[in-house]
Structures are given as structure tokens and as C-alpha cells.
Amino acid sequence: MKKLMIYVCLFVAFLLTLTFNAQAQTKKKGISPQGKGAIIGGAGGAVAGGLIGHNVGGALIGGAIGAGGGYIIGNEKRRSDEKKDGCMAPCSSKASLSSHCCIKLKC
């Protein structure tokens, strides 16, 4: 019975090592400009809303408005960066997709 348990444990350990190694190794892309803008705008809006309104409601409203504004600014920054790269047209399915634009490919 002990031998059976040892073999079962070794088999399970072998399967676990295969599943961990079989996963694709993708590079993390990080946070988008829209996300960065929303976070910064939300934090700034919450602070300003709390100071102006002197309560939690003002902070919540300021945070929501700031997050929306920050998202819009981050989106415009992303579009500006894509325009500088010279590629605003959507890519074909064969091209490498990254943030709705061909990066370093001619569209």
C-alpha cells in the first residue's frame, strides 16, 4: 500500500510539473494610458472633492468625475501616440494586434 501511495504521489507531482511548464510565456503589457489616466484622475478628483465638499459624497463625486476625465485624457494620449507611429487604420487578422493598431507594421 505504501508503494502505491508513493507512485500515485510521484505521478501527481509529474503531472503538476507538466501543466506549469506547458503554459504560454507571454510578456505582461502593463497598464494602458486610459487606465493610468483614470487612476490618476480618480485619485485627484477624490482629494479635490473631499476638500471642497468636506464630506464623503463630495469625494465620491469628485473621484468619479476625475476618473472619467482621466480616462478621456489617457485615451487621447494613446491616439496621439498611435498617430505619431503612423498607423491609425485597423490591422488585418494576419498582423500583430496591439492596442487597436499595428505597431511597427505598415497598414
PDB file of N, CA and C in Angstrom:
ATOM      1  N   MET A   1       0.821  -1.192   0.000  1.00  0.00           N
ATOM      2  CA  MET A   1       0.000   0.000   0.000  1.00  0.00           C
ATOM      3  C   MET A   1       0.868   1.261   0.000  1.00  0.00           C
ATOM      4  N   LYS A   2       1.995   1.204   0.741  1.00  0.00           N
ATOM      5  CA  LYS A   2       2.882   2.364   0.766  1.00  0.00           C
ATOM      6  C   LYS A   2       3.468   2.637  -0.615  1.00  0.00           C
ATOM      7  N   LYS A   3       3.827   1.572  -1.342  1.00  0.00           N
ATOM      8  CA  LYS A   3       4.393   1.744  -2.670  1.00  0.00           C
ATOM      9  C   LYS A   3       3.374   2.389  -3.609  1.00  0.00           C
ATOM     10  N   LEU A   4       2.128   1.983  -3.480  1.00  0.00           N
ATOM     11  CA  LEU A   4       1.071   2.546  -4.317  1.00  0.00           C
ATOM     12  C   LEU A   4       0.913   4.042  -4.054  1.00  0.00           C
ATOM     13  N   MET A   5       0.926   4.445  -2.795  1.00  0.00           N
ATOM     14  CA  MET A   5       0.807   5.862  -2.434  1.00  0.00           C
ATOM     15  C   MET A   5       2.003   6.661  -2.965  1.00  0.00           C
ATOM     16  N   ILE A   6       3.181   6.082  -2.879  1.00  0.00           N
ATOM     17  CA  ILE A   6       4.380   6.758  -3.368  1.00  0.00           C
ATOM     18  C   ILE A   6       4.281   6.949  -4.882  1.00  0.00           C
ATOM     19  N   TYR A   7       3.854   5.911  -5.596  1.00  0.00           N
ATOM     20  CA  TYR A   7       3.713   6.026  -7.049  1.00  0.00           C
ATOM     21  C   TYR A   7       2.642   7.028  -7.445  1.00  0.00           C
ATOM     22  N   VAL A   8       1.538   7.048  -6.716  1.00  0.00           N
ATOM     23  CA  VAL A   8       0.470   7.998  -7.013  1.00  0.00           C
ATOM     24  C   VAL A   8       0.961   9.432  -6.771  1.00  0.00           C
ATOM     25  N   CYS A   9       1.652   9.647  -5.682  1.00  0.00           N
ATOM     26  CA  CYS A   9       2.185  10.984  -5.388  1.00  0.00           C
ATOM     27  C   CYS A   9       3.201  11.422  -6.430  1.00  0.00           C
ATOM     28  N   LEU A  10       4.069  10.531  -6.852  1.00  0.00           N
ATOM     29  CA  LEU A  10       5.041  10.865  -7.895  1.00  0.00           C
ATOM     30  C   LEU A  10       4.340  11.169  -9.212  1.00  0.00           C
ATOM     31  N   PHE A  11       3.306  10.404  -9.536  1.00  0.00           N
ATOM     32  CA  PHE A  11       2.563  10.643 -10.765  1.00  0.00           C
ATOM     33  C   PHE A  11       1.877  12.004 -10.736  1.00  0.00           C
ATOM     34  N   VAL A  12       1.260  12.356  -9.617  1.00  0.00           N
ATOM     35  CA  VAL A  12       0.595  13.653  -9.482  1.00  0.00           C
ATOM     36  C   VAL A  12       1.618  14.785  -9.562  1.00  0.00           C
ATOM     37  N   ALA A  13       2.750  14.620  -8.915  1.00  0.00           N
ATOM     38  CA  ALA A  13       3.795  15.639  -8.980  1.00  0.00           C
ATOM     39  C   ALA A  13       4.299  15.797 -10.411  1.00  0.00           C
ATOM     40  N   PHE A  14       4.440  14.709 -11.126  1.00  0.00           N
ATOM     41  CA  PHE A  14       4.865  14.763 -12.531  1.00  0.00           C
ATOM     42  C   PHE A  14       3.843  15.518 -13.378  1.00  0.00           C
ATOM     43  N   LEU A  15       2.560  15.244 -13.165  1.00  0.00           N
ATOM     44  CA  LEU A  15       1.519  15.937 -13.920  1.00  0.00           C
ATOM     45  C   LEU A  15       1.504  17.430 -13.612  1.00  0.00           C
ATOM     46  N   LEU A  16       1.714  17.784 -12.359  1.00  0.00           N
ATOM     47  CA  LEU A  16       1.721  19.199 -11.996  1.00  0.00           C
ATOM     48  C   LEU A  16       2.880  19.938 -12.647  1.00  0.00           C
ATOM     49  N   THR A  17       4.030  19.304 -12.715  1.00  0.00           N
ATOM     50  CA  THR A  17       5.167  19.983 -13.357  1.00  0.00           C
ATOM     51  C   THR A  17       4.924  20.155 -14.848  1.00  0.00           C
ATOM     52  N   LEU A  18       4.241  19.212 -15.468  1.00  0.00           N
ATOM     53  CA  LEU A  18       3.938  19.359 -16.889  1.00  0.00           C
ATOM     54  C   LEU A  18       2.960  20.492 -17.142  1.00  0.00           C
ATOM     55  N   THR A  19       1.957  20.620 -16.296  1.00  0.00           N
ATOM     56  CA  THR A  19       0.962  21.673 -16.524  1.00  0.00           C
ATOM     57  C   THR A  19       1.568  23.044 -16.296  1.00  0.00           C
ATOM     58  N   PHE A  20       2.447  23.207 -15.344  1.00  0.00           N
ATOM     59  CA  PHE A  20       3.062  24.504 -15.100  1.00  0.00           C
ATOM     60  C   PHE A  20       4.000  24.897 -16.238  1.00  0.00           C
ATOM     61  N   ASN A  21       4.702  23.928 -16.813  1.00  0.00           N
ATOM     62  CA  ASN A  21       5.626  24.220 -17.896  1.00  0.00           C
ATOM     63  C   ASN A  21       4.936  24.368 -19.237  1.00  0.00           C
ATOM     64  N   ALA A  22       3.724  23.864 -19.366  1.00  0.00           N
ATOM     65  CA  ALA A  22       3.018  23.911 -20.641  1.00  0.00           C
ATOM     66  C   ALA A  22       2.340  25.258 -20.892  1.00  0.00           C
ATOM     67  N   GLN A  23       2.283  26.121 -19.911  1.00  0.00           N
ATOM     68  CA  GLN A  23       1.617  27.404 -20.082  1.00  0.00           C
ATOM     69  C   GLN A  23       2.453  28.318 -20.973  1.00  0.00           C
ATOM     70  N   ALA A  24       1.744  29.114 -21.770  1.00  0.00           N
ATOM     71  CA  ALA A  24       2.438  30.043 -22.660  1.00  0.00           C
ATOM     72  C   ALA A  24       3.124  31.136 -21.857  1.00  0.00           C
ATOM     73  N   GLN A  25       4.270  31.520 -22.300  1.00  0.00           N
ATOM     74  CA  GLN A  25       5.006  32.572 -21.624  1.00  0.00           C
ATOM     75  C   GLN A  25       4.791  33.868 -22.380  1.00  0.00           C
ATOM     76  N   THR A  26       3.857  34.665 -21.897  1.00  0.00           N
ATOM     77  CA  THR A  26       3.563  35.933 -22.548  1.00  0.00           C
ATOM     78  C   THR A  26       4.092  37.069 -21.705  1.00  0.00           C
ATOM     79  N   LYS A  27       4.502  38.104 -22.373  1.00  0.00           N
ATOM     80  CA  LYS A  27       5.031  39.267 -21.679  1.00  0.00           C
ATOM     81  C   LYS A  27       3.872  40.135 -21.212  1.00  0.00           C
ATOM     82  N   LYS A  28       3.949  40.602 -19.987  1.00  0.00           N
ATOM     83  CA  LYS A  28       2.906  41.484 -19.482  1.00  0.00           C
ATOM     84  C   LYS A  28       2.968  42.823 -20.209  1.00  0.00           C
ATOM     85  N   LYS A  29       1.797  43.323 -20.553  1.00  0.00           N
ATOM     86  CA  LYS A  29       1.737  44.566 -21.295  1.00  0.00           C
ATOM     87  C   LYS A  29       1.711  45.786 -20.382  1.00  0.00           C
ATOM     88  N   GLY A  30       1.376  45.612 -19.153  1.00  0.00           N
ATOM     89  CA  GLY A  30       1.288  46.756 -18.257  1.00  0.00           C
ATOM     90  C   GLY A  30      -0.067  47.426 -18.351  1.00  0.00           C
ATOM     91  N   ILE A  31      -0.178  48.552 -17.735  1.00  0.00           N
ATOM     92  CA  ILE A  31      -1.450  49.256 -17.694  1.00  0.00           C
ATOM     93  C   ILE A  31      -1.529  50.232 -18.868  1.00  0.00           C
ATOM     94  N   SER A  32      -2.709  50.357 -19.430  1.00  0.00           N
ATOM     95  CA  SER A  32      -2.906  51.204 -20.607  1.00  0.00           C
ATOM     96  C   SER A  32      -2.893  52.681 -20.202  1.00  0.00           C
ATOM     97  N   PRO A  33      -2.703  53.569 -21.174  1.00  0.00           N
ATOM     98  CA  PRO A  33      -2.763  55.003 -20.871  1.00  0.00           C
ATOM     99  C   PRO A  33      -4.133  55.420 -20.340  1.00  0.00           C
ATOM    100  N   GLN A  34      -5.197  54.759 -20.818  1.00  0.00           N
ATOM    101  CA  GLN A  34      -6.527  55.077 -20.315  1.00  0.00           C
ATOM    102  C   GLN A  34      -6.649  54.703 -18.845  1.00  0.00           C
ATOM    103  N   GLY A  35      -6.087  53.554 -18.493  1.00  0.00           N
ATOM    104  CA  GLY A  35      -6.129  53.119 -17.100  1.00  0.00           C
ATOM    105  C   GLY A  35      -5.334  54.027 -16.186  1.00  0.00           C
ATOM    106  N   LYS A  36      -4.153  54.423 -16.649  1.00  0.00           N
ATOM    107  CA  LYS A  36      -3.334  55.343 -15.858  1.00  0.00           C
ATOM    108  C   LYS A  36      -4.055  56.668 -15.654  1.00  0.00           C
ATOM    109  N   GLY A  37      -4.663  57.181 -16.730  1.00  0.00           N
ATOM    110  CA  GLY A  37      -5.390  58.443 -16.621  1.00  0.00           C
ATOM    111  C   GLY A  37      -6.571  58.339 -15.681  1.00  0.00           C
ATOM    112  N   ALA A  38      -7.285  57.220 -15.739  1.00  0.00           N
ATOM    113  CA  ALA A  38      -8.443  57.036 -14.862  1.00  0.00           C
ATOM    114  C   ALA A  38      -8.022  56.955 -13.391  1.00  0.00           C
ATOM    115  N   ILE A  39      -6.920  56.268 -13.126  1.00  0.00           N
ATOM    116  CA  ILE A  39      -6.455  56.137 -11.741  1.00  0.00           C
ATOM    117  C   ILE A  39      -5.994  57.489 -11.191  1.00  0.00           C
ATOM    118  N   ILE A  40      -5.178  58.195 -11.970  1.00  0.00           N
ATOM    119  CA  ILE A  40      -4.668  59.483 -11.516  1.00  0.00           C
ATOM    120  C   ILE A  40      -5.798  60.490 -11.385  1.00  0.00           C
ATOM    121  N   GLY A  41      -6.682  60.523 -12.383  1.00  0.00           N
ATOM    122  CA  GLY A  41      -7.805  61.452 -12.333  1.00  0.00           C
ATOM    123  C   GLY A  41      -8.761  61.147 -11.202  1.00  0.00           C
ATOM    124  N   GLY A  42      -9.015  59.867 -10.956  1.00  0.00           N
ATOM    125  CA  GLY A  42      -9.905  59.483  -9.862  1.00  0.00           C
ATOM    126  C   GLY A  42      -9.342  59.853  -8.504  1.00  0.00           C
ATOM    127  N   ALA A  43      -8.044  59.620  -8.326  1.00  0.00           N
ATOM    128  CA  ALA A  43      -7.422  59.973  -7.045  1.00  0.00           C
ATOM    129  C   ALA A  43      -7.427  61.486  -6.842  1.00  0.00           C
ATOM    130  N   GLY A  44      -7.042  62.216  -7.871  1.00  0.00           N
ATOM    131  CA  GLY A  44      -7.032  63.677  -7.758  1.00  0.00           C
ATOM    132  C   GLY A  44      -8.423  64.235  -7.554  1.00  0.00           C
ATOM    133  N   GLY A  45      -9.399  63.690  -8.278  1.00  0.00           N
ATOM    134  CA  GLY A  45     -10.774  64.151  -8.118  1.00  0.00           C
ATOM    135  C   GLY A  45     -11.342  63.844  -6.746  1.00  0.00           C
ATOM    136  N   ALA A  46     -10.988  62.703  -6.187  1.00  0.00           N
ATOM    137  CA  ALA A  46     -11.467  62.344  -4.858  1.00  0.00           C
ATOM    138  C   ALA A  46     -10.894  63.281  -3.790  1.00  0.00           C
ATOM    139  N   VAL A  47      -9.620  63.588  -3.931  1.00  0.00           N
ATOM    140  CA  VAL A  47      -8.992  64.516  -2.972  1.00  0.00           C
ATOM    141  C   VAL A  47      -9.617  65.899  -3.086  1.00  0.00           C
ATOM    142  N   ALA A  48      -9.738  66.384  -4.319  1.00  0.00           N
ATOM    143  CA  ALA A  48     -10.316  67.714  -4.518  1.00  0.00           C
ATOM    144  C   ALA A  48     -11.773  67.752  -4.067  1.00  0.00           C
ATOM    145  N   GLY A  49     -12.539  66.720  -4.391  1.00  0.00           N
ATOM    146  CA  GLY A  49     -13.936  66.676  -3.984  1.00  0.00           C
ATOM    147  C   GLY A  49     -14.096  66.598  -2.479  1.00  0.00           C
ATOM    148  N   GLY A  50     -13.216  65.875  -1.819  1.00  0.00           N
ATOM    149  CA  GLY A  50     -13.263  65.795  -0.356  1.00  0.00           C
ATOM    150  C   GLY A  50     -12.913  67.114   0.296  1.00  0.00           C
ATOM    151  N   LEU A  51     -11.940  67.818  -0.263  1.00  0.00           N
ATOM    152  CA  LEU A  51     -11.561  69.111   0.306  1.00  0.00           C
ATOM    153  C   LEU A  51     -12.622  70.178   0.046  1.00  0.00           C
ATOM    154  N   ILE A  52     -13.207  70.154  -1.123  1.00  0.00           N
ATOM    155  CA  ILE A  52     -14.214  71.169  -1.449  1.00  0.00           C
ATOM    156  C   ILE A  52     -15.534  70.877  -0.758  1.00  0.00           C
ATOM    157  N   GLY A  53     -15.975  69.608  -0.799  1.00  0.00           N
ATOM    158  CA  GLY A  53     -17.279  69.260  -0.245  1.00  0.00           C
ATOM    159  C   GLY A  53     -17.266  68.979   1.239  1.00  0.00           C
ATOM    160  N   HIS A  54     -16.130  68.736   1.828  1.00  0.00           N
ATOM    161  CA  HIS A  54     -15.974  68.440   3.257  1.00  0.00           C
ATOM    162  C   HIS A  54     -16.773  67.216   3.692  1.00  0.00           C
ATOM    163  N   ASN A  55     -17.041  66.281   2.776  1.00  0.00           N
ATOM    164  CA  ASN A  55     -17.713  65.044   3.152  1.00  0.00           C
ATOM    165  C   ASN A  55     -17.372  63.940   2.154  1.00  0.00           C
ATOM    166  N   VAL A  56     -17.881  62.747   2.433  1.00  0.00           N
ATOM    167  CA  VAL A  56     -17.579  61.596   1.594  1.00  0.00           C
ATOM    168  C   VAL A  56     -18.274  61.707   0.246  1.00  0.00           C
ATOM    169  N   GLY A  57     -19.467  62.270   0.219  1.00  0.00           N
ATOM    170  CA  GLY A  57     -20.201  62.407  -1.033  1.00  0.00           C
ATOM    171  C   GLY A  57     -19.438  63.232  -2.049  1.00  0.00           C
ATOM    172  N   GLY A  58     -18.840  64.323  -1.598  1.00  0.00           N
ATOM    173  CA  GLY A  58     -18.037  65.154  -2.498  1.00  0.00           C
ATOM    174  C   GLY A  58     -16.832  64.400  -3.029  1.00  0.00           C
ATOM    175  N   ALA A  59     -16.225  63.577  -2.184  1.00  0.00           N
ATOM    176  CA  ALA A  59     -15.066  62.793  -2.613  1.00  0.00           C
ATOM    177  C   ALA A  59     -15.477  61.750  -3.652  1.00  0.00           C
ATOM    178  N   LEU A  60     -16.634  61.121  -3.451  1.00  0.00           N
ATOM    179  CA  LEU A  60     -17.099  60.123  -4.413  1.00  0.00           C
ATOM    180  C   LEU A  60     -17.425  60.754  -5.763  1.00  0.00           C
ATOM    181  N   ILE A  61     -18.117  61.867  -5.731  1.00  0.00           N
ATOM    182  CA  ILE A  61     -18.470  62.546  -6.977  1.00  0.00           C
ATOM    183  C   ILE A  61     -17.206  63.055  -7.672  1.00  0.00           C
ATOM    184  N   GLY A  62     -16.311  63.665  -6.916  1.00  0.00           N
ATOM    185  CA  GLY A  62     -15.052  64.145  -7.491  1.00  0.00           C
ATOM    186  C   GLY A  62     -14.216  63.016  -8.061  1.00  0.00           C
ATOM    187  N   GLY A  63     -14.192  61.875  -7.382  1.00  0.00           N
ATOM    188  CA  GLY A  63     -13.443  60.721  -7.869  1.00  0.00           C
ATOM    189  C   GLY A  63     -14.015  60.173  -9.169  1.00  0.00           C
ATOM    190  N   ALA A  64     -15.347  60.112  -9.240  1.00  0.00           N
ATOM    191  CA  ALA A  64     -15.991  59.604 -10.455  1.00  0.00           C
ATOM    192  C   ALA A  64     -15.746  60.544 -11.636  1.00  0.00           C
ATOM    193  N   ILE A  65     -15.910  61.839 -11.404  1.00  0.00           N
ATOM    194  CA  ILE A  65     -15.688  62.808 -12.478  1.00  0.00           C
ATOM    195  C   ILE A  65     -14.216  62.818 -12.883  1.00  0.00           C
ATOM    196  N   GLY A  66     -13.330  62.764 -11.906  1.00  0.00           N
ATOM    197  CA  GLY A  66     -11.894  62.744 -12.205  1.00  0.00           C
ATOM    198  C   GLY A  66     -11.485  61.486 -12.964  1.00  0.00           C
ATOM    199  N   ALA A  67     -12.064  60.340 -12.612  1.00  0.00           N
ATOM    200  CA  ALA A  67     -11.739  59.102 -13.315  1.00  0.00           C
ATOM    201  C   ALA A  67     -12.207  59.164 -14.761  1.00  0.00           C
ATOM    202  N   GLY A  68     -13.396  59.697 -14.973  1.00  0.00           N
ATOM    203  CA  GLY A  68     -13.898  59.842 -16.343  1.00  0.00           C
ATOM    204  C   GLY A  68     -13.035  60.780 -17.164  1.00  0.00           C
ATOM    205  N   GLY A  69     -12.688  61.904 -16.574  1.00  0.00           N
ATOM    206  CA  GLY A  69     -11.827  62.860 -17.275  1.00  0.00           C
ATOM    207  C   GLY A  69     -10.443  62.298 -17.534  1.00  0.00           C
ATOM    208  N   GLY A  70      -9.904  61.597 -16.569  1.00  0.00           N
ATOM    209  CA  GLY A  70      -8.582  60.986 -16.745  1.00  0.00           C
ATOM    210  C   GLY A  70      -8.585  59.923 -17.824  1.00  0.00           C
ATOM    211  N   TYR A  71      -9.679  59.163 -17.912  1.00  0.00           N
ATOM    212  CA  TYR A  71      -9.787  58.154 -18.967  1.00  0.00           C
ATOM    213  C   TYR A  71      -9.790  58.816 -20.342  1.00  0.00           C
ATOM    214  N   ILE A  72     -10.550  59.896 -20.461  1.00  0.00           N
ATOM    215  CA  ILE A  72     -10.624  60.604 -21.739  1.00  0.00           C
ATOM    216  C   ILE A  72      -9.249  61.157 -22.126  1.00  0.00           C
ATOM    217  N   ILE A  73      -8.553  61.746 -21.179  1.00  0.00           N
ATOM    218  CA  ILE A  73      -7.217  62.281 -21.453  1.00  0.00           C
ATOM    219  C   ILE A  73      -6.250  61.152 -21.831  1.00  0.00           C
ATOM    220  N   GLY A  74      -6.312  60.019 -21.106  1.00  0.00           N
ATOM    221  CA  GLY A  74      -5.454  58.879 -21.432  1.00  0.00           C
ATOM    222  C   GLY A  74      -5.760  58.307 -22.806  1.00  0.00           C
ATOM    223  N   ASN A  75      -7.041  58.285 -23.176  1.00  0.00           N
ATOM    224  CA  ASN A  75      -7.422  57.789 -24.490  1.00  0.00           C
ATOM    225  C   ASN A  75      -6.879  58.698 -25.584  1.00  0.00           C
ATOM    226  N   GLU A  76      -6.965  60.012 -25.372  1.00  0.00           N
ATOM    227  CA  GLU A  76      -6.420  60.946 -26.354  1.00  0.00           C
ATOM    228  C   GLU A  76      -4.900  60.816 -26.465  1.00  0.00           C
ATOM    229  N   LYS A  77      -4.236  60.547 -25.346  1.00  0.00           N
ATOM    230  CA  LYS A  77      -2.789  60.342 -25.371  1.00  0.00           C
ATOM    231  C   LYS A  77      -2.445  59.097 -26.182  1.00  0.00           C
ATOM    232  N   ARG A  78      -3.209  58.034 -25.988  1.00  0.00           N
ATOM    233  CA  ARG A  78      -2.979  56.806 -26.747  1.00  0.00           C
ATOM    234  C   ARG A  78      -3.173  57.050 -28.242  1.00  0.00           C
ATOM    235  N   ARG A  79      -4.228  57.754 -28.597  1.00  0.00           N
ATOM    236  CA  ARG A  79      -4.497  58.040 -30.004  1.00  0.00           C
ATOM    237  C   ARG A  79      -3.400  58.924 -30.599  1.00  0.00           C
ATOM    238  N   SER A  80      -2.911  59.869 -29.804  1.00  0.00           N
ATOM    239  CA  SER A  80      -1.828  60.732 -30.265  1.00  0.00           C
ATOM    240  C   SER A  80      -0.558  59.921 -30.502  1.00  0.00           C
ATOM    241  N   ASP A  81      -0.254  59.010 -29.587  1.00  0.00           N
ATOM    242  CA  ASP A  81       0.930  58.164 -29.745  1.00  0.00           C
ATOM    243  C   ASP A  81       0.807  57.273 -30.977  1.00  0.00           C
ATOM    244  N   GLU A  82      -0.388  56.742 -31.221  1.00  0.00           N
ATOM    245  CA  GLU A  82      -0.587  55.904 -32.401  1.00  0.00           C
ATOM    246  C   GLU A  82      -0.446  56.719 -33.683  1.00  0.00           C
ATOM    247  N   LYS A  83      -0.925  57.955 -33.642  1.00  0.00           N
ATOM    248  CA  LYS A  83      -0.808  58.810 -34.826  1.00  0.00           C
ATOM    249  C   LYS A  83       0.662  59.115 -35.109  1.00  0.00           C
ATOM    250  N   LYS A  84       1.459  59.301 -34.053  1.00  0.00           N
ATOM    251  CA  LYS A  84       2.892  59.545 -34.229  1.00  0.00           C
ATOM    252  C   LYS A  84       3.582  58.332 -34.826  1.00  0.00           C
ATOM    253  N   ASP A  85       3.101  57.134 -34.480  1.00  0.00           N
ATOM    254  CA  ASP A  85       3.662  55.914 -35.045  1.00  0.00           C
ATOM    255  C   ASP A  85       3.272  55.753 -36.510  1.00  0.00           C
ATOM    256  N   GLY A  86       2.281  56.525 -36.968  1.00  0.00           N
ATOM    257  CA  GLY A  86       1.884  56.483 -38.366  1.00  0.00           C
ATOM    258  C   GLY A  86       0.924  55.380 -38.718  1.00  0.00           C
ATOM    259  N   CYS A  87       0.145  54.933 -37.760  1.00  0.00           N
ATOM    260  CA  CYS A  87      -0.761  53.832 -38.033  1.00  0.00           C
ATOM    261  C   CYS A  87      -2.060  54.031 -37.278  1.00  0.00           C
ATOM    262  N   MET A  88      -3.070  54.521 -37.942  1.00  0.00           N
ATOM    263  CA  MET A  88      -4.373  54.684 -37.296  1.00  0.00           C
ATOM    264  C   MET A  88      -5.406  53.705 -37.842  1.00  0.00           C
ATOM    265  N   ALA A  89      -5.121  53.047 -38.963  1.00  0.00           N
ATOM    266  CA  ALA A  89      -6.084  52.123 -39.549  1.00  0.00           C
ATOM    267  C   ALA A  89      -6.071  50.809 -38.783  1.00  0.00           C
ATOM    268  N   PRO A  90      -7.220  50.138 -38.679  1.00  0.00           N
ATOM    269  CA  PRO A  90      -7.243  48.836 -38.021  1.00  0.00           C
ATOM    270  C   PRO A  90      -6.423  47.818 -38.808  1.00  0.00           C
ATOM    271  N   CYS A  91      -5.824  46.879 -38.137  1.00  0.00           N
ATOM    272  CA  CYS A  91      -4.956  45.905 -38.780  1.00  0.00           C
ATOM    273  C   CYS A  91      -5.763  44.733 -39.312  1.00  0.00           C
ATOM    274  N   SER A  92      -5.171  44.012 -40.223  1.00  0.00           N
ATOM    275  CA  SER A  92      -5.782  42.782 -40.705  1.00  0.00           C
ATOM    276  C   SER A  92      -5.570  41.697 -39.658  1.00  0.00           C
ATOM    277  N   SER A  93      -6.256  40.580 -39.842  1.00  0.00           N
ATOM    278  CA  SER A  93      -6.141  39.499 -38.871  1.00  0.00           C
ATOM    279  C   SER A  93      -4.756  38.867 -38.874  1.00  0.00           C
ATOM    280  N   LYS A  94      -4.003  39.039 -39.967  1.00  0.00           N
ATOM    281  CA  LYS A  94      -2.662  38.462 -40.042  1.00  0.00           C
ATOM    282  C   LYS A  94      -1.644  39.290 -39.273  1.00  0.00           C
ATOM    283  N   ALA A  95      -1.931  40.565 -39.084  1.00  0.00           N
ATOM    284  CA  ALA A  95      -0.962  41.452 -38.448  1.00  0.00           C
ATOM    285  C   ALA A  95      -0.981  41.277 -36.944  1.00  0.00           C
ATOM    286  N   SER A  96       0.066  41.726 -36.329  1.00  0.00           N
ATOM    287  CA  SER A  96       0.158  41.698 -34.876  1.00  0.00           C
ATOM    288  C   SER A  96      -0.696  42.815 -34.299  1.00  0.00           C
ATOM    289  N   LEU A  97      -1.627  42.457 -33.415  1.00  0.00           N
ATOM    290  CA  LEU A  97      -2.517  43.453 -32.838  1.00  0.00           C
ATOM    291  C   LEU A  97      -1.993  43.901 -31.484  1.00  0.00           C
ATOM    292  N   SER A  98      -2.001  45.183 -31.291  1.00  0.00           N
ATOM    293  CA  SER A  98      -1.617  45.733 -30.009  1.00  0.00           C
ATOM    294  C   SER A  98      -2.312  47.067 -29.843  1.00  0.00           C
ATOM    295  N   SER A  99      -3.269  47.122 -28.952  1.00  0.00           N
ATOM    296  CA  SER A  99      -3.982  48.343 -28.640  1.00  0.00           C
ATOM    297  C   SER A  99      -4.636  48.965 -29.878  1.00  0.00           C
ATOM    298  N   HIS A 100      -5.321  48.131 -30.664  1.00  0.00           N
ATOM    299  CA  HIS A 100      -6.108  48.544 -31.819  1.00  0.00           C
ATOM    300  C   HIS A 100      -5.255  49.132 -32.952  1.00  0.00           C
ATOM    301  N   CYS A 101      -3.996  48.826 -32.999  1.00  0.00           N
ATOM    302  CA  CYS A 101      -3.168  49.401 -34.056  1.00  0.00           C
ATOM    303  C   CYS A 101      -2.004  48.481 -34.360  1.00  0.00           C
ATOM    304  N   CYS A 102      -1.535  48.569 -35.589  1.00  0.00           N
ATOM    305  CA  CYS A 102      -0.334  47.817 -35.975  1.00  0.00           C
ATOM    306  C   CYS A 102       0.868  48.553 -35.414  1.00  0.00           C
ATOM    307  N   ILE A 103       1.645  47.898 -34.647  1.00  0.00           N
ATOM    308  CA  ILE A 103       2.840  48.504 -34.102  1.00  0.00           C
ATOM    309  C   ILE A 103       4.027  48.110 -34.997  1.00  0.00           C
ATOM    310  N   LYS A 104       4.668  49.122 -35.528  1.00  0.00           N
ATOM    311  CA  LYS A 104       5.849  48.978 -36.377  1.00  0.00           C
ATOM    312  C   LYS A 104       5.568  48.118 -37.614  1.00  0.00           C
ATOM    313  N   LEU A 105       4.314  48.131 -38.071  1.00  0.00           N
ATOM    314  CA  LEU A 105       3.952  47.461 -39.305  1.00  0.00           C
ATOM    315  C   LEU A 105       3.271  48.473 -40.199  1.00  0.00           C
ATOM    316  N   LYS A 106       3.404  48.307 -41.486  1.00  0.00           N
ATOM    317  CA  LYS A 106       2.711  49.219 -42.397  1.00  0.00           C
ATOM    318  C   LYS A 106       1.306  48.693 -42.616  1.00  0.00           C
ATOM    319  N   CYS A 107       0.323  49.549 -42.395  1.00  0.00           N
ATOM    320  CA  CYS A 107      -1.073  49.133 -42.537  1.00  0.00           C
ATOM    321  C   CYS A 107      -1.518  49.256 -43.974  1.00  0.00           C
TER     322      CYS A 107
END
